[in-house]
C-alpha atoms as a PDB file:
ATOM      1  CA  MET A   1      10.347 -10.466  -9.960  1.00  0.00           C
ATOM      2  CA  ASN A   2      10.785  -9.489 -13.454  1.00  0.00           C
ATOM      3  CA  PRO A   3      11.499  -5.778 -13.966  1.00  0.00           C
ATOM      4  CA  ALA A   4       7.806  -3.977 -15.544  1.00  0.00           C
ATOM      5  CA  ILE A   5       7.736  -2.390 -18.546  1.00  0.00           C
ATOM      6  CA  MET A   6       5.467  -0.059 -20.117  1.00  0.00           C
ATOM      7  CA  LEU A   7       6.296   0.663 -24.095  1.00  0.00           C
ATOM      8  CA  VAL A   8       3.977   3.170 -25.013  1.00  0.00           C
ATOM      9  CA  ASP A   9       4.331   4.060 -29.138  1.00  0.00           C
ATOM     10  CA  VAL A  10       2.302   2.994 -32.348  1.00  0.00           C
ATOM     11  CA  ALA A  11       1.970   0.062 -33.421  1.00  0.00           C
ATOM     12  CA  SER A  12       4.692  -1.523 -35.782  1.00  0.00           C
ATOM     13  CA  ALA A  13       7.655  -3.536 -35.676  1.00  0.00           C
ATOM     14  CA  ASN A  14      10.149  -1.335 -34.979  1.00  0.00           C
ATOM     15  CA  ARG A  15       8.056  -1.215 -30.957  1.00  0.00           C
ATOM     16  CA  GLU A  16       7.684  -5.408 -31.604  1.00  0.00           C
ATOM     17  CA  GLU A  17      11.476  -5.536 -32.259  1.00  0.00           C
ATOM     18  CA  LEU A  18      12.127  -3.789 -28.734  1.00  0.00           C
ATOM     19  CA  LYS A  19       8.991  -5.415 -27.416  1.00  0.00           C
ATOM     20  CA  SER A  20      10.844  -8.977 -27.565  1.00  0.00           C
ATOM     21  CA  PHE A  21      14.653  -7.724 -27.062  1.00  0.00           C
ATOM     22  CA  LEU A  22      12.972  -6.734 -23.344  1.00  0.00           C
ATOM     23  CA  GLN A  23      11.486  -9.697 -22.728  1.00  0.00           C
ATOM     24  CA  SER A  24      14.428 -11.777 -23.459  1.00  0.00           C
ATOM     25  CA  GLN A  25      16.537  -9.590 -20.772  1.00  0.00           C
ATOM     26  CA  LYS A  26      13.682 -11.194 -18.907  1.00  0.00           C
ATOM     27  CA  CYS A  27      11.797  -8.340 -18.909  1.00  0.00           C
ATOM     28  CA  HIS A  28       7.836  -8.002 -18.540  1.00  0.00           C
ATOM     29  CA  VAL A  29       6.959  -5.852 -21.303  1.00  0.00           C
ATOM     30  CA  ASP A  30       2.734  -4.602 -21.517  1.00  0.00           C
ATOM     31  CA  THR A  31       1.975  -2.661 -24.819  1.00  0.00           C
ATOM     32  CA  ALA A  32      -0.198   0.634 -25.205  1.00  0.00           C
ATOM     33  CA  ALA A  33      -0.679   2.718 -28.162  1.00  0.00           C
ATOM     34  CA  ASP A  34      -2.356   5.380 -27.580  1.00  0.00           C
ATOM     35  CA  GLY A  35      -2.846   7.831 -24.351  1.00  0.00           C
ATOM     36  CA  VAL A  36      -6.096   6.164 -22.801  1.00  0.00           C
ATOM     37  CA  SER A  37      -5.184   2.707 -22.815  1.00  0.00           C
ATOM     38  CA  ALA A  38      -1.528   3.795 -21.450  1.00  0.00           C
ATOM     39  CA  VAL A  39      -2.487   5.428 -18.589  1.00  0.00           C
ATOM     40  CA  ARG A  40      -4.535   2.534 -17.938  1.00  0.00           C
ATOM     41  CA  GLY A  41      -1.895  -0.134 -18.406  1.00  0.00           C
ATOM     42  CA  SER A  42       0.254   2.197 -16.127  1.00  0.00           C
ATOM     43  CA  LEU A  43      -2.423   2.227 -13.362  1.00  0.00           C
ATOM     44  CA  GLU A  44      -3.158  -1.887 -14.408  1.00  0.00           C
ATOM     45  CA  MET A  45       1.008  -3.630 -14.615  1.00  0.00           C
ATOM     46  CA  GLN A  46       2.054  -0.490 -11.791  1.00  0.00           C
ATOM     47  CA  PRO A  47       5.265  -0.397 -14.088  1.00  0.00           C
ATOM     48  CA  ASP A  48       8.795  -0.474 -12.782  1.00  0.00           C
ATOM     49  CA  LEU A  49       9.694   2.082 -16.269  1.00  0.00           C
ATOM     50  CA  VAL A  50       7.648   3.798 -19.018  1.00  0.00           C
ATOM     51  CA  LEU A  51       8.735   4.121 -21.925  1.00  0.00           C
ATOM     52  CA  LEU A  52       7.314   6.687 -23.265  1.00  0.00           C
ATOM     53  CA  TYR A  53       7.205   7.381 -27.505  1.00  0.00           C
ATOM     54  CA  GLU A  54       6.859  10.811 -29.523  1.00  0.00           C
ATOM     55  CA  SER A  55       4.661   8.644 -32.280  1.00  0.00           C
ATOM     56  CA  LEU A  56       1.347   8.668 -30.369  1.00  0.00           C
ATOM     57  CA  PRO A  57      -1.719  10.217 -32.383  1.00  0.00           C
ATOM     58  CA  ASP A  58      -3.913  11.461 -29.586  1.00  0.00           C
ATOM     59  CA  ILE A  59      -1.784  13.371 -27.190  1.00  0.00           C
ATOM     60  CA  GLY A  60       1.110  14.577 -26.939  1.00  0.00           C
ATOM     61  CA  SER A  61       4.204  13.019 -24.872  1.00  0.00           C
ATOM     62  CA  PHE A  62       4.511  15.700 -22.329  1.00  0.00           C
ATOM     63  CA  GLU A  63       1.183  15.936 -21.826  1.00  0.00           C
ATOM     64  CA  LEU A  64       0.800  12.596 -21.311  1.00  0.00           C
ATOM     65  CA  CYS A  65       3.689  12.203 -19.417  1.00  0.00           C
ATOM     66  CA  HIS A  66       2.312  14.769 -16.846  1.00  0.00           C
ATOM     67  CA  GLN A  67      -1.361  12.178 -17.209  1.00  0.00           C
ATOM     68  CA  ILE A  68       0.518   9.232 -15.858  1.00  0.00           C
ATOM     69  CA  LYS A  69       2.944  10.698 -13.176  1.00  0.00           C
ATOM     70  CA  GLN A  70      -0.233  12.994 -11.323  1.00  0.00           C
ATOM     71  CA  ASP A  71      -1.789   9.560 -10.027  1.00  0.00           C
ATOM     72  CA  PRO A  72      -0.122   8.953  -7.260  1.00  0.00           C
ATOM     73  CA  HIS A  73       1.017   5.255  -7.398  1.00  0.00           C
ATOM     74  CA  ASN A  74       3.488   6.408  -9.968  1.00  0.00           C
ATOM     75  CA  GLN A  75       4.615   8.689  -8.804  1.00  0.00           C
ATOM     76  CA  LEU A  76       7.891   6.667  -8.489  1.00  0.00           C
ATOM     77  CA  THR A  77       8.170   5.149 -11.462  1.00  0.00           C
ATOM     78  CA  PRO A  78      11.006   6.271 -13.441  1.00  0.00           C
ATOM     79  CA  VAL A  79       8.961   7.407 -17.298  1.00  0.00           C
ATOM     80  CA  VAL A  80      11.289   8.048 -20.494  1.00  0.00           C
ATOM     81  CA  LEU A  81      10.745  10.370 -23.301  1.00  0.00           C
ATOM     82  CA  LEU A  82      12.223   9.033 -26.695  1.00  0.00           C
ATOM     83  CA  LYS A  83      12.392  11.443 -29.003  1.00  0.00           C
ATOM     84  CA  ALA A  84      14.046  11.622 -32.861  1.00  0.00           C
ATOM     85  CA  SER A  85      15.939  14.953 -31.806  1.00  0.00           C
ATOM     86  CA  PRO A  86      15.423  16.098 -28.452  1.00  0.00           C
ATOM     87  CA  ASP A  87      16.593  19.718 -27.185  1.00  0.00           C
ATOM     88  CA  LEU A  88      17.474  21.886 -24.348  1.00  0.00           C
ATOM     89  CA  TRP A  89      13.643  23.105 -24.953  1.00  0.00           C
ATOM     90  CA  ASP A  90      12.542  19.207 -24.503  1.00  0.00           C
ATOM     91  CA  ILE A  91      14.747  18.449 -21.748  1.00  0.00           C
ATOM     92  CA  GLN A  92      13.168  21.121 -19.243  1.00  0.00           C
ATOM     93  CA  ARG A  93       9.205  20.720 -21.069  1.00  0.00           C
ATOM     94  CA  GLY A  94      10.234  16.770 -19.693  1.00  0.00           C
ATOM     95  CA  ARG A  95      11.217  17.718 -16.640  1.00  0.00           C
ATOM     96  CA  GLU A  96       8.735  19.570 -15.175  1.00  0.00           C
ATOM     97  CA  ALA A  97       5.910  16.747 -17.078  1.00  0.00           C
ATOM     98  CA  GLY A  98       7.956  14.469 -14.356  1.00  0.00           C
ATOM     99  CA  ALA A  99      10.193  12.246 -16.448  1.00  0.00           C
ATOM    100  CA  ILE A 100      13.842  11.091 -15.078  1.00  0.00           C
ATOM    101  CA  ASP A 101      14.985  11.684 -18.980  1.00  0.00           C
ATOM    102  CA  ILE A 102      14.432  12.293 -22.490  1.00  0.00           C
ATOM    103  CA  TRP A 103      16.515  10.226 -24.924  1.00  0.00           C
ATOM    104  CA  THR A 104      16.616   9.960 -28.523  1.00  0.00           C
ATOM    105  CA  ASN A 105      15.493   7.360 -30.667  1.00  0.00           C
ATOM    106  CA  PRO A 106      17.444   4.500 -30.507  1.00  0.00           C
ATOM    107  CA  ALA A 107      19.473   3.114 -33.577  1.00  0.00           C
ATOM    108  CA  SER A 108      18.980  -0.244 -32.201  1.00  0.00           C
ATOM    109  CA  PRO A 109      17.407  -1.654 -28.499  1.00  0.00           C
ATOM    110  CA  TRP A 110      21.542  -2.733 -27.744  1.00  0.00           C
ATOM    111  CA  ASP A 111      21.227   1.039 -27.681  1.00  0.00           C
ATOM    112  CA  LEU A 112      19.317   1.195 -24.749  1.00  0.00           C
ATOM    113  CA  LEU A 113      19.781  -1.827 -22.575  1.00  0.00           C
ATOM    114  CA  GLY A 114      22.296   0.008 -20.367  1.00  0.00           C
ATOM    115  CA  ARG A 115      20.491   2.552 -19.615  1.00  0.00           C
ATOM    116  CA  ILE A 116      16.933   0.692 -18.753  1.00  0.00           C
ATOM    117  CA  GLN A 117      19.416  -1.018 -16.433  1.00  0.00           C
ATOM    118  CA  THR A 118      20.964   2.152 -14.621  1.00  0.00           C
ATOM    119  CA  LEU A 119      17.172   3.042 -14.286  1.00  0.00           C
ATOM    120  CA  LEU A 120      15.831  -0.580 -13.386  1.00  0.00           C
ATOM    121  CA  ARG A 121      18.388  -0.391 -10.817  1.00  0.00           C
ATOM    122  CA  LEU A 122      17.686   3.282  -9.126  1.00  0.00           C
ATOM    123  CA  LYS A 123      13.759   2.491  -9.286  1.00  0.00           C
ATOM    124  CA  LYS A 124      14.363  -0.692  -7.017  1.00  0.00           C
ATOM    125  CA  TYR A 125      16.780   1.476  -4.296  1.00  0.00           C
ATOM    126  CA  MET A 126      14.387   4.132  -4.541  1.00  0.00           C
ATOM    127  CA  ASP A 127      11.337   1.881  -3.776  1.00  0.00           C
ATOM    128  CA  GLU A 128      13.939   0.433  -0.949  1.00  0.00           C
ATOM    129  CA  GLN A 129      13.929   3.403   0.349  1.00  0.00           C
ATOM    130  CA  ALA A 130      10.641   4.506   0.465  1.00  0.00           C
ATOM    131  CA  LYS A 131       9.206   0.902   2.251  1.00  0.00           C
ATOM    132  CA  SER A 132      12.113   1.941   4.786  1.00  0.00           C
ATOM    133  CA  ALA A 133      10.088   5.672   4.951  1.00  0.00           C
ATOM    134  CA  VAL A 134       7.010   4.087   5.384  1.00  0.00           C
ATOM    135  CA  PHE A 135       8.168   1.789   8.678  1.00  0.00           C
ATOM    136  CA  ALA A 136      10.216   4.363  10.104  1.00  0.00           C
ATOM    137  CA  LEU A 137       7.124   6.365   9.962  1.00  0.00           C
ATOM    138  CA  ALA A 138       4.471   3.357  11.359  1.00  0.00           C
ATOM    139  CA  ARG A 139       7.474   3.269  14.403  1.00  0.00           C
ATOM    140  CA  SER A 140       7.173   6.190  15.350  1.00  0.00           C
ATOM    141  CA  ILE A 141       3.538   6.360  15.287  1.00  0.00           C
ATOM    142  CA  ASP A 142       3.545   3.188  16.837  1.00  0.00           C
ATOM    143  CA  SER A 143       5.914   4.098  20.327  1.00  0.00           C
ATOM    144  CA  LYS A 144       3.559   7.758  20.854  1.00  0.00           C
ATOM    145  CA  GLN A 145       0.393   6.573  20.183  1.00  0.00           C
ATOM    146  CA  ASN A 146      -0.816   6.377  23.820  1.00  0.00           C
ATOM    147  CA  LEU A 147       2.363   5.782  24.679  1.00  0.00           C
ATOM    148  CA  ARG A 148       1.210   2.047  23.548  1.00  0.00           C
ATOM    149  CA  ASN A 149       4.554   0.340  22.252  1.00  0.00           C
ATOM    150  CA  GLY A 150       4.459  -2.597  20.611  1.00  0.00           C
ATOM    151  CA  HIS A 151       1.586  -2.860  19.641  1.00  0.00           C
ATOM    152  CA  SER A 152       1.783  -3.389  15.788  1.00  0.00           C
ATOM    153  CA  GLU A 153       4.191  -6.048  17.365  1.00  0.00           C
ATOM    154  CA  ARG A 154       1.464  -7.471  19.293  1.00  0.00           C
ATOM    155  CA  LEU A 155      -0.969  -7.224  16.381  1.00  0.00           C
ATOM    156  CA  VAL A 156       1.073  -8.969  14.449  1.00  0.00           C
ATOM    157  CA  GLY A 157       0.379 -11.705  16.361  1.00  0.00           C
ATOM    158  CA  TYR A 158      -2.740 -11.679  17.074  1.00  0.00           C
ATOM    159  CA  ALA A 159      -3.660 -11.472  13.216  1.00  0.00           C
ATOM    160  CA  GLU A 160      -1.268 -13.859  12.084  1.00  0.00           C
ATOM    161  CA  GLN A 161      -3.072 -16.906  14.672  1.00  0.00           C
ATOM    162  CA  LEU A 162      -6.632 -15.581  14.125  1.00  0.00           C
ATOM    163  CA  GLY A 163      -5.691 -15.939  10.286  1.00  0.00           C
ATOM    164  CA  GLU A 164      -4.030 -19.141  10.110  1.00  0.00           C
ATOM    165  CA  SER A 165      -7.877 -20.640  12.138  1.00  0.00           C
ATOM    166  CA  LEU A 166      -9.047 -19.365   8.859  1.00  0.00           C
ATOM    167  CA  ARG A 167      -6.680 -20.901   6.634  1.00  0.00           C
ATOM    168  CA  LEU A 168      -5.476 -18.000   5.089  1.00  0.00           C
ATOM    169  CA  GLY A 169      -1.929 -18.915   2.336  1.00  0.00           C
ATOM    170  CA  ASP A 170       1.481 -17.738   2.956  1.00  0.00           C
ATOM    171  CA  GLU A 171       1.309 -15.036   0.539  1.00  0.00           C
ATOM    172  CA  ASP A 172      -2.382 -13.902   2.818  1.00  0.00           C
ATOM    173  CA  LEU A 173      -0.447 -13.811   5.927  1.00  0.00           C
ATOM    174  CA  HIS A 174       2.753 -11.978   4.919  1.00  0.00           C
ATOM    175  CA  GLU A 175       0.084  -8.991   3.626  1.00  0.00           C
ATOM    176  CA  LEU A 176      -1.473  -9.449   7.047  1.00  0.00           C
ATOM    177  CA  ARG A 177       1.545  -9.241   8.334  1.00  0.00           C
ATOM    178  CA  ILE A 178       3.020  -6.304   6.608  1.00  0.00           C
ATOM    179  CA  SER A 179      -0.924  -4.182   7.025  1.00  0.00           C
ATOM    180  CA  CYS A 180      -0.163  -4.678  11.286  1.00  0.00           C
ATOM    181  CA  TRP A 181       2.893  -2.699  10.646  1.00  0.00           C
ATOM    182  CA  LEU A 182       1.186  -0.293   8.668  1.00  0.00           C
ATOM    183  CA  HIS A 183      -2.763  -0.205   8.681  1.00  0.00           C
ATOM    184  CA  ASP A 184      -2.261   3.454  10.787  1.00  0.00           C
ATOM    185  CA  VAL A 185       0.397   5.025   8.928  1.00  0.00           C
ATOM    186  CA  GLY A 186      -2.247   7.748   8.117  1.00  0.00           C
ATOM    187  CA  LYS A 187      -1.606   8.956  11.803  1.00  0.00           C
ATOM    188  CA  ILE A 188       1.107  10.821  10.888  1.00  0.00           C
ATOM    189  CA  ASN A 189      -1.192  13.555   9.974  1.00  0.00           C
ATOM    190  CA  VAL A 190      -3.330  13.839  12.470  1.00  0.00           C
ATOM    191  CA  PRO A 191      -2.140  16.798  16.156  1.00  0.00           C
ATOM    192  CA  GLU A 192      -1.067  14.218  18.824  1.00  0.00           C
ATOM    193  CA  SER A 193      -3.221  16.251  20.833  1.00  0.00           C
ATOM    194  CA  ILE A 194      -6.280  14.087  18.978  1.00  0.00           C
ATOM    195  CA  LEU A 195      -4.123  10.713  19.345  1.00  0.00           C
ATOM    196  CA  LEU A 196      -3.041  11.325  23.143  1.00  0.00           C
ATOM    197  CA  LYS A 197      -5.895  13.016  24.365  1.00  0.00           C
ATOM    198  CA  PRO A 198      -6.999  11.397  27.819  1.00  0.00           C
ATOM    199  CA  GLY A 199     -11.129  11.288  26.999  1.00  0.00           C
ATOM    200  CA  PRO A 200     -13.822  11.189  23.925  1.00  0.00           C
ATOM    201  CA  LEU A 201     -13.305  13.435  20.574  1.00  0.00           C
ATOM    202  CA  ASN A 202     -15.511  15.444  19.115  1.00  0.00           C
ATOM    203  CA  ALA A 203     -17.145  16.063  16.258  1.00  0.00           C
ATOM    204  CA  GLU A 204     -13.867  17.962  14.108  1.00  0.00           C
ATOM    205  CA  GLU A 205     -11.545  15.309  15.857  1.00  0.00           C
ATOM    206  CA  ARG A 206     -13.275  12.441  15.558  1.00  0.00           C
ATOM    207  CA  ARG A 207     -12.964  13.965  11.275  1.00  0.00           C
ATOM    208  CA  ILE A 208      -9.399  14.353  11.593  1.00  0.00           C
ATOM    209  CA  MET A 209      -8.993  10.866  13.059  1.00  0.00           C
ATOM    210  CA  GLN A 210     -11.622   9.410  11.022  1.00  0.00           C
ATOM    211  CA  GLU A 211      -8.852  10.632   7.599  1.00  0.00           C
ATOM    212  CA  HIS A 212      -6.074   8.639   8.480  1.00  0.00           C
ATOM    213  CA  PRO A 213      -7.147   4.949   6.490  1.00  0.00           C
ATOM    214  CA  VAL A 214      -7.232   6.949   3.319  1.00  0.00           C
ATOM    215  CA  ILE A 215      -4.288   9.091   4.110  1.00  0.00           C
ATOM    216  CA  GLY A 216      -2.624   5.693   5.304  1.00  0.00           C
ATOM    217  CA  GLU A 217      -3.288   4.550   1.190  1.00  0.00           C
ATOM    218  CA  LYS A 218      -2.240   7.142  -0.234  1.00  0.00           C
ATOM    219  CA  ILE A 219       1.252   7.240   1.284  1.00  0.00           C
ATOM    220  CA  CYS A 220       1.734   3.668   0.138  1.00  0.00           C
ATOM    221  CA  ALA A 221       0.240   3.267  -2.352  1.00  0.00           C
ATOM    222  CA  PRO A 222       3.796   4.778  -4.775  1.00  0.00           C
ATOM    223  CA  LEU A 223       5.235   1.400  -3.385  1.00  0.00           C
ATOM    224  CA  LYS A 224       4.499  -1.713  -6.328  1.00  0.00           C
ATOM    225  CA  SER A 225       5.083  -4.196  -2.747  1.00  0.00           C
ATOM    226  CA  LEU A 226       2.786  -2.918  -0.876  1.00  0.00           C
ATOM    227  CA  ARG A 227      -0.386  -2.591  -3.106  1.00  0.00           C
ATOM    228  CA  ARG A 228      -2.100  -5.489  -2.509  1.00  0.00           C
ATOM    229  CA  ILE A 229      -2.473  -4.243   0.782  1.00  0.00           C
ATOM    230  CA  LEU A 230      -3.751  -1.102  -0.105  1.00  0.00           C
ATOM    231  CA  PRO A 231      -7.666  -2.131   0.677  1.00  0.00           C
ATOM    232  CA  VAL A 232      -7.105  -3.301   3.995  1.00  0.00           C
ATOM    233  CA  ILE A 233      -4.921  -0.045   4.866  1.00  0.00           C
ATOM    234  CA  ARG A 234      -7.974   1.632   4.157  1.00  0.00           C
ATOM    235  CA  HIS A 235     -10.957  -0.795   5.510  1.00  0.00           C
ATOM    236  CA  HIS A 236      -9.533  -1.771   8.648  1.00  0.00           C
ATOM    237  CA  HIS A 237     -12.123   1.142   9.880  1.00  0.00           C
ATOM    238  CA  GLU A 238     -15.664  -0.650   8.248  1.00  0.00           C
ATOM    239  CA  LYS A 239     -17.912  -2.319   9.799  1.00  0.00           C
ATOM    240  CA  MET A 240     -20.525  -5.047   9.133  1.00  0.00           C
ATOM    241  CA  ASP A 241     -23.844  -3.118   8.997  1.00  0.00           C
ATOM    242  CA  GLY A 242     -21.709  -0.181   6.695  1.00  0.00           C
ATOM    243  CA  SER A 243     -21.779   2.123   9.304  1.00  0.00           C
ATOM    244  CA  GLY A 244     -17.823   2.437   9.226  1.00  0.00           C
ATOM    245  CA  TYR A 245     -15.903   4.441   7.237  1.00  0.00           C
ATOM    246  CA  PRO A 246     -14.147   6.039   5.066  1.00  0.00           C
ATOM    247  CA  ASP A 247     -16.423   4.174   2.233  1.00  0.00           C
ATOM    248  CA  GLY A 248     -19.207   2.718   4.489  1.00  0.00           C
ATOM    249  CA  LEU A 249     -19.275  -0.959   2.689  1.00  0.00           C
ATOM    250  CA  ARG A 250     -21.134  -3.538   4.413  1.00  0.00           C
ATOM    251  CA  GLY A 251     -20.194  -7.373   4.577  1.00  0.00           C
ATOM    252  CA  GLU A 252     -18.608  -9.500   2.559  1.00  0.00           C
ATOM    253  CA  ALA A 253     -17.564  -6.115   0.562  1.00  0.00           C
ATOM    254  CA  ILE A 254     -15.299  -5.980   3.319  1.00  0.00           C
ATOM    255  CA  PRO A 255     -12.452  -7.191   2.505  1.00  0.00           C
ATOM    256  CA  LEU A 256     -11.056 -10.136   4.887  1.00  0.00           C
ATOM    257  CA  LYS A 257      -7.508  -9.710   6.247  1.00  0.00           C
ATOM    258  CA  ALA A 258      -9.169  -5.654   7.304  1.00  0.00           C
ATOM    259  CA  ARG A 259     -11.703  -7.689   8.763  1.00  0.00           C
ATOM    260  CA  ILE A 260      -9.446  -9.736  10.774  1.00  0.00           C
ATOM    261  CA  LEU A 261      -7.253  -6.859  11.442  1.00  0.00           C
ATOM    262  CA  GLN A 262      -9.790  -4.800  12.755  1.00  0.00           C
ATOM    263  CA  ILE A 263     -10.418  -7.008  15.432  1.00  0.00           C
ATOM    264  CA  ALA A 264      -6.770  -8.241  16.105  1.00  0.00           C
ATOM    265  CA  ASP A 265      -6.623  -3.943  16.980  1.00  0.00           C
ATOM    266  CA  ILE A 266      -9.324  -3.795  18.505  1.00  0.00           C
ATOM    267  CA  TYR A 267      -8.788  -6.610  20.817  1.00  0.00           C
ATOM    268  CA  ASP A 268      -5.350  -4.649  22.331  1.00  0.00           C
ATOM    269  CA  ALA A 269      -6.810  -1.653  22.449  1.00  0.00           C
ATOM    270  CA  LEU A 270      -9.243  -3.152  25.062  1.00  0.00           C
ATOM    271  CA  THR A 271      -5.859  -4.759  26.861  1.00  0.00           C
ATOM    272  CA  THR A 272      -3.957  -2.071  27.154  1.00  0.00           C
ATOM    273  CA  ASN A 273      -3.791   0.875  29.117  1.00  0.00           C
ATOM    274  CA  ARG A 274      -5.190   3.960  27.602  1.00  0.00           C
ATOM    275  CA  PRO A 275      -4.950   8.196  29.281  1.00  0.00           C
ATOM    276  CA  TYR A 276      -8.919   7.480  30.139  1.00  0.00           C
ATOM    277  CA  ARG A 277      -8.797   3.558  30.957  1.00  0.00           C
ATOM    278  CA  GLY A 278      -7.042   0.614  32.582  1.00  0.00           C
ATOM    279  CA  ALA A 279      -6.780  -2.248  30.321  1.00  0.00           C
ATOM    280  CA  LEU A 280      -9.567  -4.235  30.609  1.00  0.00           C
ATOM    281  CA  PRO A 281      -8.944  -8.473  31.482  1.00  0.00           C
ATOM    282  CA  PRO A 282      -8.439 -10.376  28.364  1.00  0.00           C
ATOM    283  CA  GLU A 283     -12.223 -12.667  28.804  1.00  0.00           C
ATOM    284  CA  GLU A 284     -13.786  -9.292  29.292  1.00  0.00           C
ATOM    285  CA  ALA A 285     -12.789  -7.329  26.465  1.00  0.00           C
ATOM    286  CA  LEU A 286     -13.881 -10.627  24.688  1.00  0.00           C
ATOM    287  CA  GLN A 287     -17.620 -10.073  25.826  1.00  0.00           C
ATOM    288  CA  THR A 288     -16.528  -6.521  24.679  1.00  0.00           C
ATOM    289  CA  LEU A 289     -16.397  -7.735  20.786  1.00  0.00           C
ATOM    290  CA  LEU A 290     -18.722 -10.874  20.646  1.00  0.00           C
ATOM    291  CA  SER A 291     -21.461  -7.364  21.982  1.00  0.00           C
ATOM    292  CA  GLU A 292     -19.989  -5.390  18.907  1.00  0.00           C
ATOM    293  CA  ALA A 293     -20.757  -8.561  16.715  1.00  0.00           C
ATOM    294  CA  GLN A 294     -24.621  -8.628  17.593  1.00  0.00           C
ATOM    295  CA  ASN A 295     -24.735  -4.857  17.172  1.00  0.00           C
ATOM    296  CA  GLY A 296     -23.995  -5.953  13.135  1.00  0.00           C
ATOM    297  CA  TRP A 297     -20.146  -4.340  13.600  1.00  0.00           C
ATOM    298  CA  LEU A 298     -17.504  -6.512  13.359  1.00  0.00           C
ATOM    299  CA  ASP A 299     -17.871 -10.380  11.571  1.00  0.00           C
ATOM    300  CA  THR A 300     -19.402 -13.288  13.464  1.00  0.00           C
ATOM    301  CA  PHE A 301     -17.814 -15.919  12.789  1.00  0.00           C
ATOM    302  CA  VAL A 302     -14.561 -13.918  12.870  1.00  0.00           C
ATOM    303  CA  VAL A 303     -14.895 -13.183  16.918  1.00  0.00           C
ATOM    304  CA  LEU A 304     -16.541 -16.325  17.196  1.00  0.00           C
ATOM    305  CA  ALA A 305     -12.705 -17.567  15.901  1.00  0.00           C
ATOM    306  CA  PHE A 306     -11.002 -14.988  17.742  1.00  0.00           C
ATOM    307  CA  SER A 307     -12.014 -16.372  21.194  1.00  0.00           C
ATOM    308  CA  GLN A 308     -11.985 -20.501  20.792  1.00  0.00           C
ATOM    309  CA  ILE A 309      -7.791 -19.533  19.709  1.00  0.00           C
ATOM    310  CA  CYS A 310      -8.239 -17.330  23.050  1.00  0.00           C
ATOM    311  CA  ARG A 311     -10.170 -19.577  25.543  1.00  0.00           C
ATOM    312  CA  ASP A 312      -8.473 -23.041  23.689  1.00  0.00           C
ATOM    313  CA  GLY A 313      -4.274 -21.383  24.433  1.00  0.00           C
ATOM    314  CA  GLY A 314      -5.191 -19.902  28.056  1.00  0.00           C
ATOM    315  CA  TYR A 315      -5.216 -16.453  25.575  1.00  0.00           C
ATOM    316  CA  PHE A 316      -3.027 -15.088  23.471  1.00  0.00           C
ATOM    317  CA  THR A 317       1.058 -16.203  24.191  1.00  0.00           C
ATOM    318  CA  ALA A 318       4.161 -14.523  22.613  1.00  0.00           C
ATOM    319  CA  ARG A 319       5.761 -15.970  19.712  1.00  0.00           C
ATOM    320  CA  GLY A 320       9.378 -15.031  21.169  1.00  0.00           C
ATOM    321  CA  ARG A 321      10.650 -13.957  18.047  1.00  0.00           C
ATOM    322  CA  THR A 322      10.521  -9.536  17.371  1.00  0.00           C
ATOM    323  CA  MET A 323       8.892  -9.688  13.683  1.00  0.00           C
ATOM    324  CA  LEU A 324      10.230  -6.259  12.166  1.00  0.00           C
ATOM    325  CA  PRO A 325      12.418  -6.561  10.691  1.00  0.00           C
ATOM    326  CA  SER A 326      11.215  -9.652   7.638  1.00  0.00           C
ATOM    327  CA  TYR A 327       9.007  -6.573   6.866  1.00  0.00           C
ATOM    328  CA  SER A 328      10.536  -3.680   6.671  1.00  0.00           C
ATOM    329  CA  ALA A 329      13.509  -5.100   4.485  1.00  0.00           C
END
């Protein structure tokens, strides 16, 4: 995938020359000529680099940089400020605003190329390291929560077969697998006394537990490669009748991949040992899923598809492979 650059400057021949030059270097380039469109564009595009000139009529470059970096989606996005003659005070203000650097306006696009390429390599490295850290968090939760070692790997297997039966494409299946690994990463913020409690949670404990989808979304939001799975992470505890959390979505408003993950997640929870009960037999777990669908909580069509897969295949069989490495890379 070509690197994406947001070029923020008033419309001019110089801006168009730089845009054409960067495109010739196999970069995807979007432009913005004012603060509002720059903030909106950076959220929509989630660029790998923002080049921000000081010439905007409606807002100063330092303030605009601060606004761009305030959004969690842009925490890992490098912003470079370009000024005619930056001084030490400009450098200090730029760093306080969140800029990675401040450069003198170039005499020609070629003068920028080497520094841009260096920052793009740095951004790629930062993304890889951050993604590895997020997967490490997810693995740590998987290993300690109710001692359910292997929960996420089983979940991938269940959800993948269910997604295939519903004719999801390869890209959707890949996103579903990633979602299975990361859906509970927000539980890193939940105390172990709640995660491992051998019994029902009280009202305050439930409130804390129910924050984990939103926290998980915030953890993953700065990573461009995870952006498409954010709705799955956020909404995998919604219910078809609107009684779920965090947003009370109803029916088809709940993303299909979130509905698939939820059913696979509940099935695995029911069929594994917990501190407060033993594992249920597969048939009893399926009856529980069907009952929750009849109550209006789960997607009936997806539950029936899941039930059919179980019965046709003698319940789920292991696929004979470890799935984590190819998805955490």
